[in-house]
């Protein structure tokens, strides 16, 4: 039963988030006078369709996201299924709109994903009426036989600074920042510790905790709970959104440095997390939805040609240098980026299978 519930919750979450993303492109395109041929809910064979005033709305067999067909200048063969493009006036094609409108349409999916994540986060905080402030990196209780215990840490010690094995030095404001850092620097790091009025150094190597599936030093920190009002919920939601955005940015930077590759998760990993979170309740599920929506939105901003960020970069390049990139070269770029994304998905799926099975 848990397996079925997890699968349904996983599919519903991705379907809603992707449809919201595509809806952002759709409404932005319509607002800018760009012709939208079709808005598909799902993928695969068509089950139902209805012709709107300007757009064909279709329901497809597989509920794995959706797509929006926007009019753009491309070469169309006589037997191409995109023959409808030949009937679209030049002034209703995205390529012929002002650059700012092109960028707006291309980025609208990301914008709506981020807004959706913010509204979900704010609504959850509003419903709960309280928030848990991130704990300071202060030792509250040391776990026996842990790296912290072996290094001699005691209650009241404060982590001031961490020097990684590669020589980089980082100061952290919260315990959450410390835990995040450990996931990408799992070696023997040097820690600057404050005890009373004195400071000292300790070398610790984090241990992988199977239950939380994270690297930990083996001590707990104490959080504080406080009440929040209606309007403050949106402010706190925005702060949480910004915190998560910075965390994802740092994670991407670490990955570009080839750190933390073992922590990457694909569809299998997201499903396993969804299955676990659903068992905690509906509010926890919505919290995960907000995080995944933000992830999908920010991921689409990466400068990869087949993603929104890559298309925006190409558009700005052409506008700045006032020359079009050859269509054939663009096709090669798209094929290469698709291959890259498929390779990434295969790699993350493999890592998920090794991790969970």
C-alpha atoms as a PDB file:
ATOM      1  CA  UNK A   1       0.000   0.000   0.000  1.00  0.00           C
ATOM      2  CA  UNK A   2       2.883   2.368   0.856  1.00  0.00           C
ATOM      3  CA  UNK A   3       4.454   1.591  -2.533  1.00  0.00           C
ATOM      4  CA  UNK A   4       1.240   2.439  -4.422  1.00  0.00           C
ATOM      5  CA  UNK A   5       0.658   5.595  -2.373  1.00  0.00           C
ATOM      6  CA  UNK A   6       4.236   6.685  -2.939  1.00  0.00           C
ATOM      7  CA  UNK A   7       4.017   6.116  -6.699  1.00  0.00           C
ATOM      8  CA  UNK A   8       0.741   8.047  -7.003  1.00  0.00           C
ATOM      9  CA  UNK A   9       2.048  10.899  -4.854  1.00  0.00           C
ATOM     10  CA  UNK A  10       5.271  11.007  -6.891  1.00  0.00           C
ATOM     11  CA  UNK A  11       3.465  11.099 -10.251  1.00  0.00           C
ATOM     12  CA  UNK A  12       0.939  13.695  -9.042  1.00  0.00           C
ATOM     13  CA  UNK A  13       3.688  15.947  -7.687  1.00  0.00           C
ATOM     14  CA  UNK A  14       5.740  15.921 -10.884  1.00  0.00           C
ATOM     15  CA  UNK A  15       2.648  16.276 -13.065  1.00  0.00           C
ATOM     16  CA  UNK A  16       1.407  19.360 -11.199  1.00  0.00           C
ATOM     17  CA  UNK A  17       4.835  21.005 -11.010  1.00  0.00           C
ATOM     18  CA  UNK A  18       5.601  20.477 -14.716  1.00  0.00           C
ATOM     19  CA  UNK A  19       2.107  21.626 -15.765  1.00  0.00           C
ATOM     20  CA  UNK A  20       2.558  24.776 -13.670  1.00  0.00           C
ATOM     21  CA  UNK A  21       5.913  25.325 -15.374  1.00  0.00           C
ATOM     22  CA  UNK A  22       4.368  24.950 -18.839  1.00  0.00           C
ATOM     23  CA  UNK A  23       1.435  27.160 -17.836  1.00  0.00           C
ATOM     24  CA  UNK A  24       3.946  29.906 -17.097  1.00  0.00           C
ATOM     25  CA  UNK A  25       5.260  29.676 -20.665  1.00  0.00           C
ATOM     26  CA  UNK A  26       1.703  29.543 -22.039  1.00  0.00           C
ATOM     27  CA  UNK A  27       0.343  32.621 -20.262  1.00  0.00           C
ATOM     28  CA  UNK A  28       3.514  34.617 -20.900  1.00  0.00           C
ATOM     29  CA  UNK A  29       3.370  33.749 -24.605  1.00  0.00           C
ATOM     30  CA  UNK A  30      -0.297  34.722 -24.879  1.00  0.00           C
ATOM     31  CA  UNK A  31       0.376  37.989 -23.000  1.00  0.00           C
ATOM     32  CA  UNK A  32       3.110  38.852 -25.532  1.00  0.00           C
ATOM     33  CA  UNK A  33       0.954  37.967 -28.537  1.00  0.00           C
ATOM     34  CA  UNK A  34       2.866  34.776 -29.382  1.00  0.00           C
ATOM     35  CA  UNK A  35       0.839  31.992 -31.018  1.00  0.00           C
ATOM     36  CA  UNK A  36       0.543  28.807 -28.949  1.00  0.00           C
ATOM     37  CA  UNK A  37      -0.487  25.835 -31.060  1.00  0.00           C
ATOM     38  CA  UNK A  38      -1.067  23.243 -28.321  1.00  0.00           C
ATOM     39  CA  UNK A  39      -1.031  22.847 -24.544  1.00  0.00           C
ATOM     40  CA  UNK A  40      -0.638  19.146 -23.712  1.00  0.00           C
ATOM     41  CA  UNK A  41      -1.440  17.712 -20.293  1.00  0.00           C
ATOM     42  CA  UNK A  42       0.669  14.563 -20.083  1.00  0.00           C
ATOM     43  CA  UNK A  43       2.653  12.844 -22.834  1.00  0.00           C
ATOM     44  CA  UNK A  44       2.044  10.051 -25.315  1.00  0.00           C
ATOM     45  CA  UNK A  45      -1.114   9.283 -27.318  1.00  0.00           C
ATOM     46  CA  UNK A  46      -3.987  11.781 -27.138  1.00  0.00           C
ATOM     47  CA  UNK A  47      -7.018  10.744 -25.094  1.00  0.00           C
ATOM     48  CA  UNK A  48      -9.033  13.949 -25.431  1.00  0.00           C
ATOM     49  CA  UNK A  49      -8.637  17.323 -27.083  1.00  0.00           C
ATOM     50  CA  UNK A  50     -10.539  20.566 -27.381  1.00  0.00           C
ATOM     51  CA  UNK A  51      -9.826  23.476 -29.669  1.00  0.00           C
ATOM     52  CA  UNK A  52      -9.843  26.765 -27.797  1.00  0.00           C
ATOM     53  CA  UNK A  53      -9.991  30.182 -29.364  1.00  0.00           C
ATOM     54  CA  UNK A  54      -6.305  30.084 -30.247  1.00  0.00           C
ATOM     55  CA  UNK A  55      -4.866  26.928 -28.694  1.00  0.00           C
ATOM     56  CA  UNK A  56      -5.573  23.200 -28.858  1.00  0.00           C
ATOM     57  CA  UNK A  57      -5.808  21.709 -25.350  1.00  0.00           C
ATOM     58  CA  UNK A  58      -5.110  17.990 -25.178  1.00  0.00           C
ATOM     59  CA  UNK A  59      -5.048  15.287 -22.522  1.00  0.00           C
ATOM     60  CA  UNK A  60      -2.516  12.535 -23.187  1.00  0.00           C
ATOM     61  CA  UNK A  61      -2.209   8.985 -21.906  1.00  0.00           C
ATOM     62  CA  UNK A  62       0.828   9.247 -19.610  1.00  0.00           C
ATOM     63  CA  UNK A  63       0.677  11.733 -16.705  1.00  0.00           C
ATOM     64  CA  UNK A  64       4.366  12.589 -16.791  1.00  0.00           C
ATOM     65  CA  UNK A  65       4.322  16.354 -17.170  1.00  0.00           C
ATOM     66  CA  UNK A  66       3.192  18.191 -20.272  1.00  0.00           C
ATOM     67  CA  UNK A  67       4.322  20.558 -22.999  1.00  0.00           C
ATOM     68  CA  UNK A  68       3.480  23.784 -24.824  1.00  0.00           C
ATOM     69  CA  UNK A  69       3.999  24.212 -28.580  1.00  0.00           C
ATOM     70  CA  UNK A  70       4.988  27.837 -29.191  1.00  0.00           C
ATOM     71  CA  UNK A  71       5.385  29.307 -32.679  1.00  0.00           C
ATOM     72  CA  UNK A  72       9.031  29.949 -33.586  1.00  0.00           C
ATOM     73  CA  UNK A  73      10.952  30.369 -36.833  1.00  0.00           C
ATOM     74  CA  UNK A  74      12.250  26.923 -37.804  1.00  0.00           C
ATOM     75  CA  UNK A  75      12.697  25.028 -41.049  1.00  0.00           C
ATOM     76  CA  UNK A  76       9.607  22.880 -41.731  1.00  0.00           C
ATOM     77  CA  UNK A  77       9.629  20.022 -44.255  1.00  0.00           C
ATOM     78  CA  UNK A  78       6.546  19.197 -46.289  1.00  0.00           C
ATOM     79  CA  UNK A  79       5.910  16.005 -44.298  1.00  0.00           C
ATOM     80  CA  UNK A  80       6.768  17.595 -40.941  1.00  0.00           C
ATOM     81  CA  UNK A  81       4.092  17.472 -38.228  1.00  0.00           C
ATOM     82  CA  UNK A  82       4.832  21.149 -37.531  1.00  0.00           C
ATOM     83  CA  UNK A  83       3.136  22.256 -40.763  1.00  0.00           C
ATOM     84  CA  UNK A  84       0.886  24.483 -38.651  1.00  0.00           C
ATOM     85  CA  UNK A  85       3.849  26.875 -38.352  1.00  0.00           C
ATOM     86  CA  UNK A  86       3.414  27.872 -41.994  1.00  0.00           C
ATOM     87  CA  UNK A  87       0.012  29.360 -41.131  1.00  0.00           C
ATOM     88  CA  UNK A  88       1.286  31.518 -38.270  1.00  0.00           C
ATOM     89  CA  UNK A  89       1.878  35.224 -39.084  1.00  0.00           C
ATOM     90  CA  UNK A  90       5.446  36.441 -38.661  1.00  0.00           C
ATOM     91  CA  UNK A  91       4.472  38.888 -35.896  1.00  0.00           C
ATOM     92  CA  UNK A  92       3.062  36.031 -33.775  1.00  0.00           C
ATOM     93  CA  UNK A  93       6.303  34.039 -33.716  1.00  0.00           C
ATOM     94  CA  UNK A  94       8.491  34.212 -30.623  1.00  0.00           C
ATOM     95  CA  UNK A  95      11.711  34.840 -32.582  1.00  0.00           C
ATOM     96  CA  UNK A  96      10.253  38.020 -34.064  1.00  0.00           C
ATOM     97  CA  UNK A  97       9.262  39.563 -30.741  1.00  0.00           C
ATOM     98  CA  UNK A  98      11.461  42.066 -28.824  1.00  0.00           C
ATOM     99  CA  UNK A  99      14.298  40.423 -26.914  1.00  0.00           C
ATOM    100  CA  UNK A 100      12.806  41.242 -23.509  1.00  0.00           C
ATOM    101  CA  UNK A 101       9.578  39.481 -24.479  1.00  0.00           C
ATOM    102  CA  UNK A 102      11.487  36.423 -25.695  1.00  0.00           C
ATOM    103  CA  UNK A 103      13.392  36.245 -22.409  1.00  0.00           C
ATOM    104  CA  UNK A 104      10.166  36.759 -20.436  1.00  0.00           C
ATOM    105  CA  UNK A 105       8.405  33.893 -22.225  1.00  0.00           C
ATOM    106  CA  UNK A 106      11.394  31.579 -21.852  1.00  0.00           C
ATOM    107  CA  UNK A 107      11.866  32.374 -18.155  1.00  0.00           C
ATOM    108  CA  UNK A 108       8.152  32.390 -17.232  1.00  0.00           C
ATOM    109  CA  UNK A 109       8.163  28.677 -16.399  1.00  0.00           C
ATOM    110  CA  UNK A 110      10.987  29.174 -13.919  1.00  0.00           C
ATOM    111  CA  UNK A 111       9.288  32.240 -12.440  1.00  0.00           C
ATOM    112  CA  UNK A 112       6.015  30.409 -11.840  1.00  0.00           C
ATOM    113  CA  UNK A 113       7.833  27.414 -10.303  1.00  0.00           C
ATOM    114  CA  UNK A 114       9.596  29.713  -7.852  1.00  0.00           C
ATOM    115  CA  UNK A 115       6.379  31.603  -7.048  1.00  0.00           C
ATOM    116  CA  UNK A 116       4.557  28.306  -6.514  1.00  0.00           C
ATOM    117  CA  UNK A 117       7.304  27.155  -4.134  1.00  0.00           C
ATOM    118  CA  UNK A 118       7.118  30.450  -2.208  1.00  0.00           C
ATOM    119  CA  UNK A 119       3.334  30.315  -1.884  1.00  0.00           C
ATOM    120  CA  UNK A 120       3.469  26.708  -0.679  1.00  0.00           C
ATOM    121  CA  UNK A 121       6.178  27.497   1.868  1.00  0.00           C
ATOM    122  CA  UNK A 122       4.318  30.573   3.128  1.00  0.00           C
ATOM    123  CA  UNK A 123       0.996  28.724   3.311  1.00  0.00           C
ATOM    124  CA  UNK A 124       2.526  25.872   5.318  1.00  0.00           C
ATOM    125  CA  UNK A 125       4.072  28.330   7.772  1.00  0.00           C
ATOM    126  CA  UNK A 126       0.707  30.103   8.033  1.00  0.00           C
ATOM    127  CA  UNK A 127      -1.154  26.867   8.760  1.00  0.00           C
ATOM    128  CA  UNK A 128       1.354  25.722  11.347  1.00  0.00           C
ATOM    129  CA  UNK A 129       1.468  29.136  13.011  1.00  0.00           C
ATOM    130  CA  UNK A 130       5.028  28.534  14.216  1.00  0.00           C
ATOM    131  CA  UNK A 131       8.484  28.102  12.742  1.00  0.00           C
ATOM    132  CA  UNK A 132      11.636  26.380  13.923  1.00  0.00           C
ATOM    133  CA  UNK A 133      14.572  28.751  13.643  1.00  0.00           C
ATOM    134  CA  UNK A 134      17.751  27.167  12.303  1.00  0.00           C
ATOM    135  CA  UNK A 135      19.952  26.149  15.249  1.00  0.00           C
ATOM    136  CA  UNK A 136      23.333  27.763  15.786  1.00  0.00           C
ATOM    137  CA  UNK A 137      26.361  25.463  15.321  1.00  0.00           C
ATOM    138  CA  UNK A 138      26.541  24.927  19.079  1.00  0.00           C
ATOM    139  CA  UNK A 139      26.958  21.455  20.558  1.00  0.00           C
ATOM    140  CA  UNK A 140      23.954  20.492  22.701  1.00  0.00           C
ATOM    141  CA  UNK A 141      24.530  16.778  23.193  1.00  0.00           C
ATOM    142  CA  UNK A 142      27.367  14.547  21.992  1.00  0.00           C
ATOM    143  CA  UNK A 143      26.599  11.024  20.746  1.00  0.00           C
ATOM    144  CA  UNK A 144      28.798   8.255  22.149  1.00  0.00           C
ATOM    145  CA  UNK A 145      31.579   6.895  19.888  1.00  0.00           C
ATOM    146  CA  UNK A 146      30.885   9.569  17.267  1.00  0.00           C
ATOM    147  CA  UNK A 147      33.578  11.681  15.544  1.00  0.00           C
ATOM    148  CA  UNK A 148      32.588  14.584  17.832  1.00  0.00           C
ATOM    149  CA  UNK A 149      33.009  12.405  20.944  1.00  0.00           C
ATOM    150  CA  UNK A 150      36.388  11.083  19.794  1.00  0.00           C
ATOM    151  CA  UNK A 151      37.537  14.666  19.129  1.00  0.00           C
ATOM    152  CA  UNK A 152      36.610  15.640  22.699  1.00  0.00           C
ATOM    153  CA  UNK A 153      33.735  17.996  21.977  1.00  0.00           C
ATOM    154  CA  UNK A 154      31.434  18.781  24.897  1.00  0.00           C
ATOM    155  CA  UNK A 155      28.101  20.530  25.373  1.00  0.00           C
ATOM    156  CA  UNK A 156      28.405  24.287  24.778  1.00  0.00           C
ATOM    157  CA  UNK A 157      31.212  24.114  22.207  1.00  0.00           C
ATOM    158  CA  UNK A 158      30.661  26.304  19.154  1.00  0.00           C
ATOM    159  CA  UNK A 159      31.964  25.580  15.641  1.00  0.00           C
ATOM    160  CA  UNK A 160      33.442  28.829  14.373  1.00  0.00           C
ATOM    161  CA  UNK A 161      35.153  27.745  11.182  1.00  0.00           C
ATOM    162  CA  UNK A 162      35.867  24.696   9.030  1.00  0.00           C
ATOM    163  CA  UNK A 163      38.955  24.173   6.897  1.00  0.00           C
ATOM    164  CA  UNK A 164      38.432  21.484   4.271  1.00  0.00           C
ATOM    165  CA  UNK A 165      41.098  19.108   3.012  1.00  0.00           C
ATOM    166  CA  UNK A 166      41.503  21.176  -0.157  1.00  0.00           C
ATOM    167  CA  UNK A 167      42.518  24.198   1.958  1.00  0.00           C
ATOM    168  CA  UNK A 168      39.293  26.173   1.587  1.00  0.00           C
ATOM    169  CA  UNK A 169      38.067  27.832   4.775  1.00  0.00           C
ATOM    170  CA  UNK A 170      34.378  28.411   5.511  1.00  0.00           C
ATOM    171  CA  UNK A 171      32.480  30.085   8.357  1.00  0.00           C
ATOM    172  CA  UNK A 172      28.926  28.910   9.072  1.00  0.00           C
ATOM    173  CA  UNK A 173      26.027  30.713  10.689  1.00  0.00           C
ATOM    174  CA  UNK A 174      23.797  27.705  11.408  1.00  0.00           C
ATOM    175  CA  UNK A 175      24.080  23.999  12.085  1.00  0.00           C
ATOM    176  CA  UNK A 176      22.198  23.369   8.823  1.00  0.00           C
ATOM    177  CA  UNK A 177      25.079  25.052   6.978  1.00  0.00           C
ATOM    178  CA  UNK A 178      27.561  22.748   8.735  1.00  0.00           C
ATOM    179  CA  UNK A 179      25.576  19.624   7.804  1.00  0.00           C
ATOM    180  CA  UNK A 180      25.309  20.796   4.184  1.00  0.00           C
ATOM    181  CA  UNK A 181      29.069  21.404   4.044  1.00  0.00           C
ATOM    182  CA  UNK A 182      29.760  17.878   5.304  1.00  0.00           C
ATOM    183  CA  UNK A 183      27.883  16.298   2.408  1.00  0.00           C
ATOM    184  CA  UNK A 184      30.456  17.702  -0.048  1.00  0.00           C
ATOM    185  CA  UNK A 185      33.562  17.559   2.148  1.00  0.00           C
ATOM    186  CA  UNK A 186      33.564  14.107   3.707  1.00  0.00           C
ATOM    187  CA  UNK A 187      37.255  13.875   4.501  1.00  0.00           C
ATOM    188  CA  UNK A 188      39.290  14.830   7.570  1.00  0.00           C
ATOM    189  CA  UNK A 189      38.361  18.498   7.989  1.00  0.00           C
ATOM    190  CA  UNK A 190      39.860  20.824  10.570  1.00  0.00           C
ATOM    191  CA  UNK A 191      37.387  22.604  12.872  1.00  0.00           C
ATOM    192  CA  UNK A 192      37.999  25.780  14.848  1.00  0.00           C
ATOM    193  CA  UNK A 193      36.061  25.399  18.118  1.00  0.00           C
ATOM    194  CA  UNK A 194      35.127  28.017  20.735  1.00  0.00           C
ATOM    195  CA  UNK A 195      34.894  26.757  24.325  1.00  0.00           C
ATOM    196  CA  UNK A 196      34.207  29.494  26.837  1.00  0.00           C
ATOM    197  CA  UNK A 197      36.720  32.234  26.066  1.00  0.00           C
ATOM    198  CA  UNK A 198      39.258  29.955  24.402  1.00  0.00           C
ATOM    199  CA  UNK A 199      39.525  28.523  20.893  1.00  0.00           C
ATOM    200  CA  UNK A 200      41.165  25.297  19.761  1.00  0.00           C
ATOM    201  CA  UNK A 201      41.331  23.117  16.651  1.00  0.00           C
ATOM    202  CA  UNK A 202      40.038  19.594  16.176  1.00  0.00           C
ATOM    203  CA  UNK A 203      40.232  17.275  13.188  1.00  0.00           C
ATOM    204  CA  UNK A 204      37.118  15.199  12.492  1.00  0.00           C
ATOM    205  CA  UNK A 205      35.954  12.935   9.683  1.00  0.00           C
ATOM    206  CA  UNK A 206      32.181  12.800   9.358  1.00  0.00           C
ATOM    207  CA  UNK A 207      30.462   9.396   9.442  1.00  0.00           C
ATOM    208  CA  UNK A 208      27.630   8.398   7.098  1.00  0.00           C
ATOM    209  CA  UNK A 209      24.354   7.886   8.973  1.00  0.00           C
ATOM    210  CA  UNK A 210      22.155   5.277   7.268  1.00  0.00           C
ATOM    211  CA  UNK A 211      18.933   6.490   8.916  1.00  0.00           C
ATOM    212  CA  UNK A 212      19.197  10.124   7.815  1.00  0.00           C
ATOM    213  CA  UNK A 213      21.324   9.234   4.755  1.00  0.00           C
ATOM    214  CA  UNK A 214      23.707  12.077   5.522  1.00  0.00           C
ATOM    215  CA  UNK A 215      27.235  12.561   6.797  1.00  0.00           C
ATOM    216  CA  UNK A 216      27.206  13.626  10.450  1.00  0.00           C
ATOM    217  CA  UNK A 217      29.713  14.579  13.170  1.00  0.00           C
ATOM    218  CA  UNK A 218      27.616  13.037  15.922  1.00  0.00           C
ATOM    219  CA  UNK A 219      26.203  15.860  18.004  1.00  0.00           C
ATOM    220  CA  UNK A 220      22.826  17.564  18.256  1.00  0.00           C
ATOM    221  CA  UNK A 221      21.974  21.264  18.326  1.00  0.00           C
ATOM    222  CA  UNK A 222      19.044  22.976  19.997  1.00  0.00           C
ATOM    223  CA  UNK A 223      16.452  24.816  17.928  1.00  0.00           C
ATOM    224  CA  UNK A 224      13.951  27.448  19.041  1.00  0.00           C
ATOM    225  CA  UNK A 225      10.265  27.577  18.118  1.00  0.00           C
ATOM    226  CA  UNK A 226       8.357  30.838  17.755  1.00  0.00           C
ATOM    227  CA  UNK A 227       4.952  31.954  16.531  1.00  0.00           C
ATOM    228  CA  UNK A 228       4.413  33.839  13.273  1.00  0.00           C
ATOM    229  CA  UNK A 229       1.443  35.865  12.060  1.00  0.00           C
ATOM    230  CA  UNK A 230      -0.342  35.987   8.700  1.00  0.00           C
ATOM    231  CA  UNK A 231       1.795  38.619   6.975  1.00  0.00           C
ATOM    232  CA  UNK A 232       5.047  37.418   8.543  1.00  0.00           C
ATOM    233  CA  UNK A 233       4.379  33.989   7.023  1.00  0.00           C
ATOM    234  CA  UNK A 234       5.073  35.398   3.557  1.00  0.00           C
ATOM    235  CA  UNK A 235       8.262  37.100   4.771  1.00  0.00           C
ATOM    236  CA  UNK A 236       9.484  33.919   6.455  1.00  0.00           C
ATOM    237  CA  UNK A 237       8.497  31.948   3.340  1.00  0.00           C
ATOM    238  CA  UNK A 238      10.603  34.296   1.203  1.00  0.00           C
ATOM    239  CA  UNK A 239      13.573  33.887   3.566  1.00  0.00           C
ATOM    240  CA  UNK A 240      13.206  30.107   3.432  1.00  0.00           C
ATOM    241  CA  UNK A 241      13.005  30.283  -0.363  1.00  0.00           C
ATOM    242  CA  UNK A 242      16.184  32.359  -0.504  1.00  0.00           C
ATOM    243  CA  UNK A 243      17.958  30.013   1.910  1.00  0.00           C
ATOM    244  CA  UNK A 244      17.025  26.965  -0.196  1.00  0.00           C
ATOM    245  CA  UNK A 245      18.041  28.788  -3.388  1.00  0.00           C
ATOM    246  CA  UNK A 246      21.493  29.583  -1.984  1.00  0.00           C
ATOM    247  CA  UNK A 247      21.827  25.991  -0.770  1.00  0.00           C
ATOM    248  CA  UNK A 248      21.054  24.659  -4.254  1.00  0.00           C
ATOM    249  CA  UNK A 249      23.470  27.150  -5.788  1.00  0.00           C
ATOM    250  CA  UNK A 250      26.247  26.011  -3.468  1.00  0.00           C
ATOM    251  CA  UNK A 251      25.418  22.390  -4.238  1.00  0.00           C
ATOM    252  CA  UNK A 252      25.690  23.029  -7.984  1.00  0.00           C
ATOM    253  CA  UNK A 253      29.010  24.800  -7.473  1.00  0.00           C
ATOM    254  CA  UNK A 254      30.293  21.803  -5.517  1.00  0.00           C
ATOM    255  CA  UNK A 255      29.167  19.453  -8.281  1.00  0.00           C
ATOM    256  CA  UNK A 256      31.005  21.512 -10.910  1.00  0.00           C
ATOM    257  CA  UNK A 257      34.067  20.989  -8.716  1.00  0.00           C
ATOM    258  CA  UNK A 258      33.297  17.222  -8.820  1.00  0.00           C
ATOM    259  CA  UNK A 259      32.416  17.124  -5.131  1.00  0.00           C
ATOM    260  CA  UNK A 260      29.422  15.263  -3.742  1.00  0.00           C
ATOM    261  CA  UNK A 261      28.622  13.336  -6.932  1.00  0.00           C
ATOM    262  CA  UNK A 262      27.571  10.421  -4.739  1.00  0.00           C
ATOM    263  CA  UNK A 263      24.799  12.605  -3.297  1.00  0.00           C
ATOM    264  CA  UNK A 264      23.080  13.202  -6.643  1.00  0.00           C
ATOM    265  CA  UNK A 265      19.539  11.837  -6.884  1.00  0.00           C
ATOM    266  CA  UNK A 266      17.405  11.040  -9.914  1.00  0.00           C
ATOM    267  CA  UNK A 267      13.805   9.883 -10.341  1.00  0.00           C
ATOM    268  CA  UNK A 268      14.292   6.825  -8.126  1.00  0.00           C
ATOM    269  CA  UNK A 269      15.740   8.935  -5.319  1.00  0.00           C
ATOM    270  CA  UNK A 270      12.942  11.503  -5.544  1.00  0.00           C
ATOM    271  CA  UNK A 271      10.381   8.684  -5.470  1.00  0.00           C
ATOM    272  CA  UNK A 272      11.967   7.134  -2.360  1.00  0.00           C
ATOM    273  CA  UNK A 273      11.950  10.493  -0.591  1.00  0.00           C
ATOM    274  CA  UNK A 274       8.325  11.054  -1.653  1.00  0.00           C
ATOM    275  CA  UNK A 275       7.292   7.634  -0.338  1.00  0.00           C
ATOM    276  CA  UNK A 276       8.911   8.405   3.009  1.00  0.00           C
ATOM    277  CA  UNK A 277       7.547  11.948   3.272  1.00  0.00           C
ATOM    278  CA  UNK A 278       3.966  10.877   2.439  1.00  0.00           C
ATOM    279  CA  UNK A 279       4.010   8.647   5.507  1.00  0.00           C
ATOM    280  CA  UNK A 280       4.639  11.754   7.643  1.00  0.00           C
ATOM    281  CA  UNK A 281       1.448  13.474   6.497  1.00  0.00           C
ATOM    282  CA  UNK A 282      -0.010  15.846   3.928  1.00  0.00           C
ATOM    283  CA  UNK A 283       1.817  18.959   5.169  1.00  0.00           C
ATOM    284  CA  UNK A 284       5.178  17.222   4.846  1.00  0.00           C
ATOM    285  CA  UNK A 285       4.207  16.192   1.317  1.00  0.00           C
ATOM    286  CA  UNK A 286       3.378  19.800   0.405  1.00  0.00           C
ATOM    287  CA  UNK A 287       6.708  20.903   1.858  1.00  0.00           C
ATOM    288  CA  UNK A 288       8.483  18.443  -0.436  1.00  0.00           C
ATOM    289  CA  UNK A 289       6.415  19.714  -3.390  1.00  0.00           C
ATOM    290  CA  UNK A 290       7.625  23.259  -2.719  1.00  0.00           C
ATOM    291  CA  UNK A 291      11.244  22.106  -2.616  1.00  0.00           C
ATOM    292  CA  UNK A 292      10.939  20.052  -5.833  1.00  0.00           C
ATOM    293  CA  UNK A 293       9.199  22.947  -7.605  1.00  0.00           C
ATOM    294  CA  UNK A 294      12.084  25.232  -6.664  1.00  0.00           C
ATOM    295  CA  UNK A 295      14.597  22.584  -7.771  1.00  0.00           C
ATOM    296  CA  UNK A 296      12.935  22.111 -11.159  1.00  0.00           C
ATOM    297  CA  UNK A 297      12.681  25.857 -11.675  1.00  0.00           C
ATOM    298  CA  UNK A 298      16.326  26.553 -10.848  1.00  0.00           C
ATOM    299  CA  UNK A 299      17.546  23.501 -12.761  1.00  0.00           C
ATOM    300  CA  UNK A 300      15.848  24.881 -15.879  1.00  0.00           C
ATOM    301  CA  UNK A 301      17.943  28.044 -15.533  1.00  0.00           C
ATOM    302  CA  UNK A 302      21.181  26.150 -16.141  1.00  0.00           C
ATOM    303  CA  UNK A 303      22.925  27.322 -19.358  1.00  0.00           C
ATOM    304  CA  UNK A 304      22.226  24.068 -21.207  1.00  0.00           C
ATOM    305  CA  UNK A 305      20.755  24.596 -24.719  1.00  0.00           C
ATOM    306  CA  UNK A 306      17.801  22.218 -24.226  1.00  0.00           C
ATOM    307  CA  UNK A 307      16.782  24.004 -21.000  1.00  0.00           C
ATOM    308  CA  UNK A 308      15.230  27.441 -20.564  1.00  0.00           C
ATOM    309  CA  UNK A 309      18.504  28.916 -19.303  1.00  0.00           C
ATOM    310  CA  UNK A 310      20.349  27.775 -22.407  1.00  0.00           C
ATOM    311  CA  UNK A 311      17.704  29.182 -24.742  1.00  0.00           C
ATOM    312  CA  UNK A 312      17.808  32.505 -22.894  1.00  0.00           C
ATOM    313  CA  UNK A 313      21.605  32.556 -23.224  1.00  0.00           C
ATOM    314  CA  UNK A 314      21.385  31.878 -26.973  1.00  0.00           C
ATOM    315  CA  UNK A 315      18.784  34.642 -27.391  1.00  0.00           C
ATOM    316  CA  UNK A 316      20.930  37.165 -25.518  1.00  0.00           C
ATOM    317  CA  UNK A 317      24.030  36.110 -27.480  1.00  0.00           C
ATOM    318  CA  UNK A 318      22.263  36.719 -30.787  1.00  0.00           C
ATOM    319  CA  UNK A 319      20.913  40.066 -29.566  1.00  0.00           C
ATOM    320  CA  UNK A 320      24.279  41.315 -28.303  1.00  0.00           C
ATOM    321  CA  UNK A 321      26.308  40.237 -31.324  1.00  0.00           C
ATOM    322  CA  UNK A 322      23.443  40.918 -33.767  1.00  0.00           C
ATOM    323  CA  UNK A 323      23.862  37.675 -35.675  1.00  0.00           C
ATOM    324  CA  UNK A 324      21.883  34.448 -35.797  1.00  0.00           C
ATOM    325  CA  UNK A 325      23.441  31.156 -34.806  1.00  0.00           C
ATOM    326  CA  UNK A 326      23.080  28.731 -37.756  1.00  0.00           C
ATOM    327  CA  UNK A 327      20.045  26.456 -37.394  1.00  0.00           C
ATOM    328  CA  UNK A 328      22.068  23.308 -38.035  1.00  0.00           C
ATOM    329  CA  UNK A 329      24.571  24.253 -35.320  1.00  0.00           C
ATOM    330  CA  UNK A 330      21.702  24.872 -32.888  1.00  0.00           C
ATOM    331  CA  UNK A 331      20.325  21.433 -33.665  1.00  0.00           C
ATOM    332  CA  UNK A 332      23.692  19.883 -32.819  1.00  0.00           C
ATOM    333  CA  UNK A 333      23.789  21.863 -29.578  1.00  0.00           C
ATOM    334  CA  UNK A 334      20.310  20.641 -28.657  1.00  0.00           C
ATOM    335  CA  UNK A 335      21.169  17.025 -29.467  1.00  0.00           C
ATOM    336  CA  UNK A 336      24.368  17.251 -27.452  1.00  0.00           C
ATOM    337  CA  UNK A 337      22.627  18.782 -24.463  1.00  0.00           C
ATOM    338  CA  UNK A 338      19.865  16.163 -24.614  1.00  0.00           C
ATOM    339  CA  UNK A 339      22.541  13.466 -24.594  1.00  0.00           C
ATOM    340  CA  UNK A 340      24.169  15.166 -21.599  1.00  0.00           C
ATOM    341  CA  UNK A 341      20.870  15.260 -19.680  1.00  0.00           C
ATOM    342  CA  UNK A 342      20.082  11.636 -20.532  1.00  0.00           C
ATOM    343  CA  UNK A 343      23.570  10.644 -19.373  1.00  0.00           C
ATOM    344  CA  UNK A 344      23.038  12.576 -16.142  1.00  0.00           C
ATOM    345  CA  UNK A 345      19.691  10.848 -15.594  1.00  0.00           C
ATOM    346  CA  UNK A 346      21.270   7.418 -16.164  1.00  0.00           C
ATOM    347  CA  UNK A 347      24.087   8.242 -13.743  1.00  0.00           C
ATOM    348  CA  UNK A 348      21.751   9.533 -11.002  1.00  0.00           C
ATOM    349  CA  UNK A 349      19.436   6.547 -11.463  1.00  0.00           C
ATOM    350  CA  UNK A 350      22.411   4.214 -11.056  1.00  0.00           C
ATOM    351  CA  UNK A 351      23.486   6.073  -7.907  1.00  0.00           C
ATOM    352  CA  UNK A 352      19.915   5.812  -6.550  1.00  0.00           C
ATOM    353  CA  UNK A 353      19.796   2.063  -7.178  1.00  0.00           C
ATOM    354  CA  UNK A 354      23.164   1.558  -5.460  1.00  0.00           C
ATOM    355  CA  UNK A 355      22.084   3.749  -2.532  1.00  0.00           C
ATOM    356  CA  UNK A 356      18.606   2.320  -1.937  1.00  0.00           C
ATOM    357  CA  UNK A 357      18.838  -1.274  -3.182  1.00  0.00           C
END
